Amino acid sequence: MLKRKILDSLISWKSSPNKVALLVKGARQVGKTTSIRDFGKKFYKSFIEINFERNPKFIKAFDGDLDARTIILNLSSMGLGPFIKNETLIFFDEIQSCPAARTSIKFLVEDGQYDYIESGSLLGINYSDVSSFPVGFEEQIQMFPLDFEEFLWANGVSNEIVEVLSQSFMSLKPAPSFIHNQIMEHFKRYMIVGGMPRVVETFLSNSDLSQTLRAQQIILSNYRDDISKYAGQNKTKVKSIFDSIPEQLSKEKKRFFFNLADKNAYFSRYDEATSWLIDAGIANYCINVSSMELPFSFFEKRNMFKLYMADTGLLCRMAMNGIQNSLLQGDIYINKGAITENVVSSILSSNGKPLYYYDKKSRQELDFLINENNAITIIEVKSGKDYKSHSSLDSALYLEKLALESKGKPYINRAIVLSENNVESQGKIVYLPIYMAIFL
């Protein structure tokens, strides 16, 4: 079984003195059910799993009164149990299919006899039928595909190696050359495979890459089925946006243009359809900001954005032009850097960083902006031998220098250039291997 970081979060939740229910959100097939099931069986005397999609009969247990005693009696009469006080975890899986169960969480938590975890893949989509949300009785966490560190664990790379890389990142000293080269090879594979658990397991167990591609295609087909089933009147728009993502990211300027998905499209008609992909956990926004100032949320231009896939392996599969071999051969800037930018976006997102970029009249574009220590950190993704050529970054630093000379305050914490190369620093610019984005 794959080692996942969410286990630490689940253990911490269990030991919380004022525990409420835990809602684990995330896209389909990122490993929510497997991780929760493994946790429940290891840390509780009784683990009760209720999947409302696989067994719709359990929905009937919530048809009447929603007091805790009635619900537990109903579930027990259906053959579930044993219900051991203070030693039972009840797992409501695919809870979006039973809105009444979501409403009942308040009463079940107040009862205090058992622990509850909820999970669902389309909770950002299927919410209209929930009569009352359990505000104050539910803690929420987001689960993502395997990040690169988890991918390294799956490939047998030890924590000691990750610690060596972390120390290199912190000290701004080059990582040992042999280790750096080996980790870069793993990273190239990670860009191809991505972090969907079933795909990773297929890749690790089968040297035939076509089997990995097949596993990815099954997930993409499932996503399209979800769009058809759950996107309602917007399903045609959602599909056109979804299918347009590889083309949009392959442009020199990666801002999303609706007319590339549909020549008659524009923001106000397609905004809801784009948000559907975000809410489903399939894609991530990277919002344009009009000014290099904090907080970024004050300067958002929400009609200007880049749209990245949450899983880079799926993006590679969607591209359908044999880019996997090119990546394995070391051409990580294929498709004008679409894959490298996407993988950085997914790493930053899984680290809890909102995604922003800066574009001044298409003449000065900075790939990513994040908040570090209440100052702006600029992140540029580069390739090959020209990784030290970054005119937009140089311009941003020059403008800050002029502001400082006018007795202004520094607003740029540092500038980071991510590439295939080892650690190096020059003034405010830090050059890091792209895989060290996991430490940001």
Protein backbone atom coordinates (compact mmCIF):
# COMPACT_ATOMS: atom_id res chain seq x y z
CA MET A 1 0.00 0.00 0.00
CA LEU A 2 1.21 3.51 -0.84
CA LYS A 3 2.37 5.66 2.06
CA ARG A 4 0.35 8.88 2.22
CA LYS A 5 0.88 12.03 4.24
CA ILE A 6 -2.80 12.29 5.10
CA LEU A 7 -2.29 9.54 7.70
CA ASP A 8 -0.54 12.05 9.98
CA SER A 9 -3.54 14.39 9.66
CA LEU A 10 -5.95 11.58 10.51
CA ILE A 11 -3.95 10.57 13.59
CA SER A 12 -3.80 14.19 14.74
CA TRP A 13 -7.57 14.54 14.28
CA LYS A 14 -8.22 11.38 16.32
CA SER A 15 -6.20 12.70 19.27
CA SER A 16 -7.90 16.12 19.24
CA PRO A 17 -9.56 16.82 22.64
CA ASN A 18 -12.58 18.58 21.10
CA LYS A 19 -13.02 16.35 18.09
CA VAL A 20 -15.75 17.03 15.54
CA ALA A 21 -16.49 15.08 12.36
CA LEU A 22 -13.79 15.16 9.69
CA LEU A 23 -14.69 15.85 6.06
CA VAL A 24 -12.03 14.69 3.58
CA LYS A 25 -12.48 16.37 0.21
CA GLY A 26 -10.70 15.70 -3.06
CA ALA A 27 -11.11 14.63 -6.67
CA ARG A 28 -12.16 11.12 -7.57
CA GLN A 29 -9.48 8.45 -7.23
CA VAL A 30 -6.90 10.45 -5.28
CA GLY A 31 -6.92 7.77 -2.57
CA LYS A 32 -9.39 9.09 0.01
CA THR A 33 -11.27 5.85 0.63
CA THR A 34 -8.17 3.66 0.78
CA SER A 35 -6.39 5.97 3.22
CA ILE A 36 -9.39 6.35 5.54
CA ARG A 37 -10.12 2.62 5.46
CA ASP A 38 -6.52 1.77 6.36
CA PHE A 39 -6.56 4.32 9.19
CA GLY A 40 -9.88 3.10 10.57
CA LYS A 41 -8.84 -0.54 10.66
CA LYS A 42 -5.52 0.24 12.35
CA PHE A 43 -6.64 2.71 15.01
CA TYR A 44 -10.16 1.60 16.01
CA LYS A 45 -11.62 -1.59 17.44
CA SER A 46 -14.60 -1.22 15.10
CA PHE A 47 -14.55 0.38 11.65
CA ILE A 48 -17.88 0.80 9.85
CA GLU A 49 -17.77 1.88 6.20
CA ILE A 50 -20.94 3.15 4.52
CA ASN A 51 -20.66 3.92 0.81
CA PHE A 52 -23.82 5.65 -0.36
CA GLU A 53 -23.05 5.20 -4.05
CA ARG A 54 -22.14 1.52 -3.91
CA ASN A 55 -24.97 0.66 -1.44
CA PRO A 56 -27.84 3.16 -1.94
CA LYS A 57 -29.97 1.17 0.53
CA PHE A 58 -28.10 2.90 3.38
CA ILE A 59 -29.67 6.21 2.34
CA LYS A 60 -32.96 4.94 3.78
CA ALA A 61 -31.44 4.98 7.29
CA PHE A 62 -31.61 8.78 7.08
CA ASP A 63 -35.15 9.06 5.67
CA GLY A 64 -36.86 9.77 9.01
CA ASP A 65 -35.76 11.44 12.21
CA LEU A 66 -32.12 12.52 12.25
CA ASP A 67 -31.47 12.09 15.97
CA ALA A 68 -28.40 9.99 16.73
CA ARG A 69 -30.23 7.11 18.44
CA THR A 70 -32.62 6.57 15.50
CA ILE A 71 -29.81 6.67 12.93
CA ILE A 72 -27.60 4.20 14.82
CA LEU A 73 -30.56 1.86 15.35
CA ASN A 74 -31.39 2.04 11.63
CA LEU A 75 -27.80 1.27 10.62
CA SER A 76 -27.56 -1.55 13.14
CA SER A 77 -30.77 -3.10 11.80
CA MET A 78 -29.10 -3.18 8.35
CA GLY A 79 -26.36 -5.42 9.72
CA LEU A 80 -23.71 -2.80 10.42
CA GLY A 81 -21.63 -2.87 13.59
CA PRO A 82 -20.54 -3.50 16.21
CA PHE A 83 -20.99 -0.02 17.63
CA ILE A 84 -18.44 0.18 20.47
CA LYS A 85 -18.61 3.41 22.47
CA ASN A 86 -15.47 5.56 22.05
CA GLU A 87 -13.84 2.81 19.94
CA THR A 88 -15.79 3.02 16.68
CA LEU A 89 -15.10 5.01 13.52
CA ILE A 90 -18.08 5.42 11.20
CA PHE A 91 -17.06 6.36 7.66
CA PHE A 92 -19.67 7.95 5.36
CA ASP A 93 -18.16 7.57 1.88
CA GLU A 94 -19.52 9.42 -1.17
CA ILE A 95 -21.67 11.40 1.25
CA GLN A 96 -22.75 13.75 -1.54
CA SER A 97 -25.21 10.99 -2.53
CA CYS A 98 -26.97 11.27 0.84
CA PRO A 99 -27.51 14.94 1.76
CA ALA A 100 -29.48 13.97 4.89
CA ALA A 101 -26.39 12.18 6.24
CA ARG A 102 -24.42 15.42 5.91
CA THR A 103 -27.18 17.25 7.81
CA SER A 104 -27.23 14.57 10.53
CA ILE A 105 -23.53 15.06 11.38
CA LYS A 106 -24.41 17.80 13.89
CA PHE A 107 -26.61 15.44 15.92
CA LEU A 108 -24.22 12.50 15.66
CA VAL A 109 -21.27 14.59 16.89
CA GLU A 110 -23.36 16.04 19.73
CA ASP A 111 -24.20 12.48 20.79
CA GLY A 112 -20.48 11.95 21.31
CA GLN A 113 -20.36 8.14 21.36
CA TYR A 114 -18.55 7.48 18.05
CA ASP A 115 -16.12 9.17 15.66
CA TYR A 116 -17.19 10.19 12.15
CA ILE A 117 -15.33 10.77 8.90
CA GLU A 118 -17.10 11.89 5.75
CA SER A 119 -15.70 11.80 2.26
CA GLY A 120 -16.86 12.68 -1.20
CA SER A 121 -15.54 13.49 -4.63
CA LEU A 122 -18.02 16.09 -5.83
CA LEU A 123 -18.93 17.90 -2.63
CA GLY A 124 -18.29 21.25 -4.28
CA ILE A 125 -20.87 20.28 -6.91
CA ASN A 126 -23.61 18.39 -5.06
CA TYR A 127 -24.56 20.68 -2.21
CA SER A 128 -27.98 22.08 -3.11
CA ASP A 129 -29.96 19.29 -1.40
CA VAL A 130 -28.24 19.62 1.98
CA SER A 131 -30.90 21.25 4.15
CA SER A 132 -28.47 22.31 6.89
CA PHE A 133 -24.70 22.15 6.91
CA PRO A 134 -23.05 21.01 10.18
CA VAL A 135 -21.31 24.32 10.84
CA GLY A 136 -19.11 24.03 13.91
CA PHE A 137 -19.40 20.23 13.94
CA GLU A 138 -17.18 19.48 10.95
CA GLU A 139 -13.49 19.97 10.21
CA GLN A 140 -12.45 19.89 6.55
CA ILE A 141 -9.20 18.83 4.89
CA GLN A 142 -8.29 18.49 1.23
CA MET A 143 -6.60 15.44 -0.24
CA PHE A 144 -4.57 15.64 -3.45
CA PRO A 145 -2.88 13.16 -5.76
CA LEU A 146 0.49 11.87 -4.53
CA ASP A 147 2.95 14.74 -4.29
CA PHE A 148 6.52 14.21 -5.42
CA GLU A 149 7.75 13.27 -1.95
CA GLU A 150 5.08 10.56 -1.71
CA PHE A 151 6.08 9.43 -5.21
CA LEU A 152 9.68 9.10 -4.02
CA TRP A 153 8.54 6.98 -1.08
CA ALA A 154 6.59 4.76 -3.48
CA ASN A 155 9.79 4.30 -5.48
CA GLY A 156 11.77 3.25 -2.41
CA VAL A 157 13.61 6.54 -1.86
CA SER A 158 14.24 6.95 1.87
CA ASN A 159 13.39 9.83 4.17
CA GLU A 160 17.13 10.32 4.67
CA ILE A 161 17.51 11.30 1.00
CA VAL A 162 14.58 13.71 1.26
CA GLU A 163 16.25 15.22 4.33
CA VAL A 164 19.51 15.70 2.38
CA LEU A 165 17.54 17.59 -0.26
CA SER A 166 15.74 19.64 2.39
CA GLN A 167 19.06 20.65 3.97
CA SER A 168 20.36 21.68 0.55
CA PHE A 169 17.22 23.80 0.03
CA MET A 170 17.54 25.47 3.44
CA SER A 171 21.29 26.14 3.19
CA LEU A 172 21.21 27.10 -0.51
CA LYS A 173 24.09 24.72 -1.13
CA PRO A 174 24.11 22.26 -4.05
CA ALA A 175 22.80 18.78 -3.40
CA PRO A 176 25.32 15.95 -3.97
CA SER A 177 25.55 15.55 -7.75
CA PHE A 178 24.71 11.84 -7.83
CA ILE A 179 21.63 12.32 -5.64
CA HIS A 180 20.53 15.36 -7.67
CA ASN A 181 20.76 13.43 -10.94
CA GLN A 182 18.86 10.44 -9.56
CA ILE A 183 16.08 12.62 -8.14
CA MET A 184 15.76 14.47 -11.46
CA GLU A 185 15.20 11.12 -13.18
CA HIS A 186 12.45 10.31 -10.68
CA PHE A 187 10.94 13.75 -11.30
CA LYS A 188 10.78 13.19 -15.06
CA ARG A 189 8.90 9.95 -14.40
CA TYR A 190 6.63 11.77 -11.96
CA MET A 191 5.66 14.28 -14.64
CA ILE A 192 4.61 11.39 -16.89
CA VAL A 193 2.91 9.24 -14.28
CA GLY A 194 1.42 11.89 -12.00
CA GLY A 195 0.07 11.09 -8.56
CA MET A 196 -3.19 9.17 -9.00
CA PRO A 197 -2.65 6.10 -6.77
CA ARG A 198 -3.93 3.51 -9.24
CA VAL A 199 -1.72 4.93 -11.97
CA VAL A 200 1.33 4.99 -9.69
CA GLU A 201 0.75 1.40 -8.64
CA THR A 202 0.35 0.35 -12.28
CA PHE A 203 3.60 2.09 -13.19
CA LEU A 204 5.51 0.47 -10.32
CA SER A 205 4.23 -3.03 -11.08
CA ASN A 206 4.51 -2.98 -14.87
CA SER A 207 7.41 -1.81 -17.04
CA ASP A 208 5.05 -1.55 -20.02
CA LEU A 209 4.27 2.19 -20.14
CA SER A 210 1.16 1.51 -22.21
CA GLN A 211 -0.47 0.01 -19.10
CA THR A 212 0.18 3.26 -17.20
CA LEU A 213 -1.33 5.25 -20.06
CA ARG A 214 -4.35 2.96 -20.05
CA ALA A 215 -4.87 3.51 -16.31
CA GLN A 216 -4.74 7.28 -16.89
CA GLN A 217 -7.22 7.04 -19.76
CA ILE A 218 -9.70 5.19 -17.54
CA ILE A 219 -9.58 8.05 -15.02
CA LEU A 220 -10.03 10.66 -17.75
CA SER A 221 -13.03 8.71 -19.07
CA ASN A 222 -14.48 8.64 -15.55
CA TYR A 223 -14.04 12.40 -15.30
CA ARG A 224 -15.92 12.87 -18.56
CA ASP A 225 -18.67 10.57 -17.27
CA ASP A 226 -18.92 12.72 -14.11
CA ILE A 227 -19.25 15.83 -16.26
CA SER A 228 -22.09 14.24 -18.23
CA LYS A 229 -23.81 13.06 -15.04
CA TYR A 230 -23.35 16.02 -12.72
CA ALA A 231 -22.68 19.19 -14.74
CA GLY A 232 -26.33 19.57 -15.78
CA GLN A 233 -27.00 22.19 -18.43
CA ASN A 234 -23.33 23.20 -18.38
CA LYS A 235 -21.98 19.78 -19.40
CA THR A 236 -21.17 20.77 -22.99
CA LYS A 237 -19.33 23.88 -21.82
CA VAL A 238 -17.46 21.99 -19.09
CA LYS A 239 -16.34 19.32 -21.57
CA SER A 240 -15.10 21.91 -24.05
CA ILE A 241 -13.08 23.70 -21.34
CA PHE A 242 -11.71 20.40 -20.01
CA ASP A 243 -10.60 19.24 -23.46
CA SER A 244 -9.07 22.65 -24.19
CA ILE A 245 -6.64 22.67 -21.24
CA PRO A 246 -3.65 21.02 -23.04
CA GLU A 247 -3.89 23.42 -25.98
CA GLN A 248 -4.22 26.45 -23.70
CA LEU A 249 -1.10 25.50 -21.71
CA SER A 250 0.92 24.80 -24.86
CA LYS A 251 0.77 28.47 -25.87
CA GLU A 252 3.68 30.80 -25.18
CA LYS A 253 1.32 32.88 -23.02
CA LYS A 254 -0.68 30.42 -20.97
CA ARG A 255 -3.62 32.59 -20.05
CA PHE A 256 -6.89 30.76 -20.69
CA PHE A 257 -8.90 32.12 -23.61
CA PHE A 258 -12.48 30.88 -23.83
CA ASN A 259 -12.65 31.39 -27.58
CA LEU A 260 -10.08 28.63 -28.02
CA ALA A 261 -12.52 26.24 -26.35
CA ASP A 262 -15.50 27.67 -28.23
CA LYS A 263 -15.24 30.49 -30.77
CA ASN A 264 -18.47 32.00 -29.43
CA ALA A 265 -17.50 31.74 -25.78
CA TYR A 266 -16.81 34.53 -23.32
CA PHE A 267 -16.17 34.80 -19.59
CA SER A 268 -19.63 35.52 -18.20
CA ARG A 269 -21.19 32.57 -20.03
CA TYR A 270 -18.40 30.11 -19.21
CA ASP A 271 -17.34 31.17 -15.71
CA GLU A 272 -19.69 28.72 -13.99
CA ALA A 273 -18.56 25.88 -16.25
CA THR A 274 -14.89 26.57 -15.47
CA SER A 275 -15.62 26.72 -11.75
CA TRP A 276 -17.20 23.25 -12.01
CA LEU A 277 -13.79 21.75 -12.85
CA ILE A 278 -12.21 23.58 -9.90
CA ASP A 279 -14.93 22.46 -7.48
CA ALA A 280 -14.59 18.86 -8.70
CA GLY A 281 -10.85 18.95 -7.91
CA ILE A 282 -9.92 18.27 -11.53
CA ALA A 283 -8.25 21.60 -12.28
CA ASN A 284 -6.64 24.57 -10.49
CA TYR A 285 -6.99 28.29 -11.15
CA CYS A 286 -3.94 30.55 -11.30
CA ILE A 287 -5.37 34.06 -11.02
CA ASN A 288 -3.83 37.18 -12.51
CA VAL A 289 -3.08 40.08 -10.15
CA SER A 290 -3.02 43.67 -11.30
CA SER A 291 -0.31 44.80 -8.88
CA MET A 292 2.75 43.35 -7.17
CA GLU A 293 1.26 43.95 -3.73
CA LEU A 294 -0.02 41.94 -0.80
CA PRO A 295 -2.55 40.62 -0.09
CA PHE A 296 -2.91 39.20 -3.60
CA SER A 297 -6.65 38.70 -3.08
CA PHE A 298 -7.13 42.48 -3.14
CA PHE A 299 -5.71 42.71 -6.66
CA GLU A 300 -7.25 39.68 -8.35
CA LYS A 301 -8.43 40.00 -11.95
CA ARG A 302 -10.63 36.94 -11.92
CA ASN A 303 -11.50 37.15 -15.61
CA MET A 304 -7.80 36.58 -16.40
CA PHE A 305 -6.39 33.24 -15.32
CA LYS A 306 -4.42 30.17 -16.26
CA LEU A 307 -6.07 26.78 -15.85
CA TYR A 308 -3.87 23.86 -14.80
CA MET A 309 -4.72 20.18 -14.39
CA ALA A 310 -4.59 19.03 -10.78
CA ASP A 311 -2.64 15.94 -11.91
CA THR A 312 0.20 16.44 -14.38
CA GLY A 313 0.25 12.79 -15.49
CA LEU A 314 -3.32 13.18 -16.71
CA LEU A 315 -2.31 16.32 -18.60
CA CYS A 316 0.45 14.34 -20.35
CA ARG A 317 -2.09 11.70 -21.30
CA MET A 318 -4.49 14.31 -22.67
CA ALA A 319 -1.76 15.87 -24.82
CA MET A 320 -1.76 12.70 -26.98
CA ASN A 321 1.43 13.53 -28.90
CA GLY A 322 4.00 11.12 -27.49
CA ILE A 323 5.45 13.62 -25.04
CA GLN A 324 6.20 10.84 -22.54
CA ASN A 325 9.27 9.71 -24.46
CA SER A 326 10.50 13.28 -24.86
CA LEU A 327 10.21 13.84 -21.11
CA LEU A 328 12.09 10.62 -20.35
CA GLN A 329 14.84 11.76 -22.71
CA GLY A 330 15.19 14.98 -20.72
CA ASP A 331 13.17 17.49 -22.77
CA ILE A 332 11.18 18.82 -19.81
CA TYR A 333 10.32 22.03 -21.67
CA ILE A 334 8.26 20.24 -24.31
CA ASN A 335 5.00 21.95 -25.32
CA LYS A 336 6.49 25.34 -24.39
CA GLY A 337 6.85 24.37 -20.75
CA ALA A 338 3.23 23.28 -20.29
CA ILE A 339 4.17 20.18 -18.33
CA THR A 340 6.78 21.83 -16.09
CA GLU A 341 4.53 24.76 -15.20
CA ASN A 342 1.65 22.40 -14.52
CA VAL A 343 3.67 20.19 -12.18
CA VAL A 344 4.83 23.24 -10.20
CA SER A 345 1.22 24.44 -9.95
CA SER A 346 0.12 21.07 -8.55
CA ILE A 347 2.98 21.04 -6.01
CA LEU A 348 2.18 24.55 -4.80
CA SER A 349 -1.54 23.73 -4.58
CA SER A 350 -0.94 20.59 -2.52
CA ASN A 351 1.25 22.71 -0.21
CA GLY A 352 -1.74 24.97 0.41
CA LYS A 353 -0.52 27.89 -1.70
CA PRO A 354 -3.13 29.86 -3.69
CA LEU A 355 -1.93 30.28 -7.27
CA TYR A 356 -1.30 33.76 -8.68
CA TYR A 357 0.64 35.15 -11.61
CA TYR A 358 1.53 38.64 -12.83
CA ASP A 359 1.17 39.82 -16.40
CA LYS A 360 1.72 43.47 -17.28
CA LYS A 361 0.21 44.08 -20.71
CA SER A 362 1.71 40.79 -21.97
CA ARG A 363 5.20 42.30 -21.79
CA GLN A 364 6.19 41.24 -18.29
CA GLU A 365 4.86 37.88 -17.14
CA LEU A 366 5.90 36.14 -13.93
CA ASP A 367 4.86 32.48 -13.73
CA PHE A 368 3.87 32.30 -10.04
CA LEU A 369 3.68 34.63 -7.05
CA ILE A 370 3.43 33.31 -3.48
CA ASN A 371 3.42 34.91 -0.05
CA GLU A 372 6.49 34.01 2.03
CA ASN A 373 7.10 35.79 5.34
CA ASN A 374 4.59 38.52 4.40
CA ALA A 375 6.58 39.41 1.31
CA ILE A 376 6.33 38.37 -2.32
CA THR A 377 8.31 35.43 -3.66
CA ILE A 378 8.47 35.23 -7.44
CA ILE A 379 8.74 31.79 -9.02
CA GLU A 380 9.88 31.31 -12.62
CA VAL A 381 10.02 27.91 -14.34
CA LYS A 382 12.90 27.62 -16.82
CA SER A 383 14.62 25.01 -18.96
CA GLY A 384 17.95 24.04 -20.46
CA LYS A 385 20.98 26.27 -20.71
CA ASP A 386 19.03 29.54 -20.82
CA TYR A 387 17.65 29.19 -17.31
CA LYS A 388 19.50 32.38 -16.29
CA SER A 389 17.73 34.37 -18.98
CA HIS A 390 14.69 35.92 -17.25
CA SER A 391 13.96 39.45 -18.42
CA SER A 392 10.58 39.74 -16.65
CA LEU A 393 12.13 38.68 -13.38
CA ASP A 394 15.05 41.09 -13.82
CA SER A 395 12.59 43.91 -14.54
CA ALA A 396 10.59 43.18 -11.35
CA LEU A 397 13.76 43.25 -9.24
CA TYR A 398 14.94 46.46 -10.92
CA LEU A 399 11.64 48.19 -10.18
CA GLU A 400 11.90 47.14 -6.55
CA LYS A 401 15.44 48.54 -6.43
CA LEU A 402 14.15 51.90 -7.67
CA ALA A 403 11.42 51.82 -5.02
CA LEU A 404 14.00 51.17 -2.30
CA GLU A 405 16.11 54.08 -3.54
CA SER A 406 13.02 56.25 -3.07
CA LYS A 407 12.92 55.12 0.55
CA GLY A 408 10.23 52.55 -0.09
CA LYS A 409 9.99 49.23 1.72
CA PRO A 410 11.18 45.96 0.20
CA TYR A 411 8.22 43.95 -1.09
CA ILE A 412 10.03 41.07 -2.80
CA ASN A 413 11.23 38.41 -0.40
CA ARG A 414 13.23 36.54 -3.05
CA ALA A 415 13.04 35.33 -6.62
CA ILE A 416 13.24 31.61 -7.37
CA VAL A 417 14.12 30.08 -10.71
CA LEU A 418 13.21 26.39 -11.03
CA SER A 419 15.06 24.31 -13.61
CA GLU A 420 16.93 21.02 -14.06
CA ASN A 421 20.04 22.54 -12.52
CA ASN A 422 21.43 22.24 -9.00
CA VAL A 423 21.20 24.86 -6.23
CA GLU A 424 22.85 28.23 -6.80
CA SER A 425 22.16 31.77 -5.61
CA GLN A 426 22.96 35.26 -6.93
CA GLY A 427 21.72 38.09 -4.74
CA LYS A 428 17.96 37.88 -4.44
CA ILE A 429 17.73 35.21 -7.14
CA VAL A 430 17.85 31.59 -6.01
CA TYR A 431 18.26 28.84 -8.59
CA LEU A 432 16.71 25.56 -7.45
CA PRO A 433 16.12 22.15 -9.00
CA ILE A 434 12.47 21.99 -10.02
CA TYR A 435 11.81 19.11 -7.62
CA MET A 436 12.64 21.39 -4.65
CA ALA A 437 9.32 23.12 -5.21
CA ILE A 438 8.04 20.56 -2.67
CA PHE A 439 9.78 22.55 0.08
CA LEU A 440 8.11 25.88 -0.74
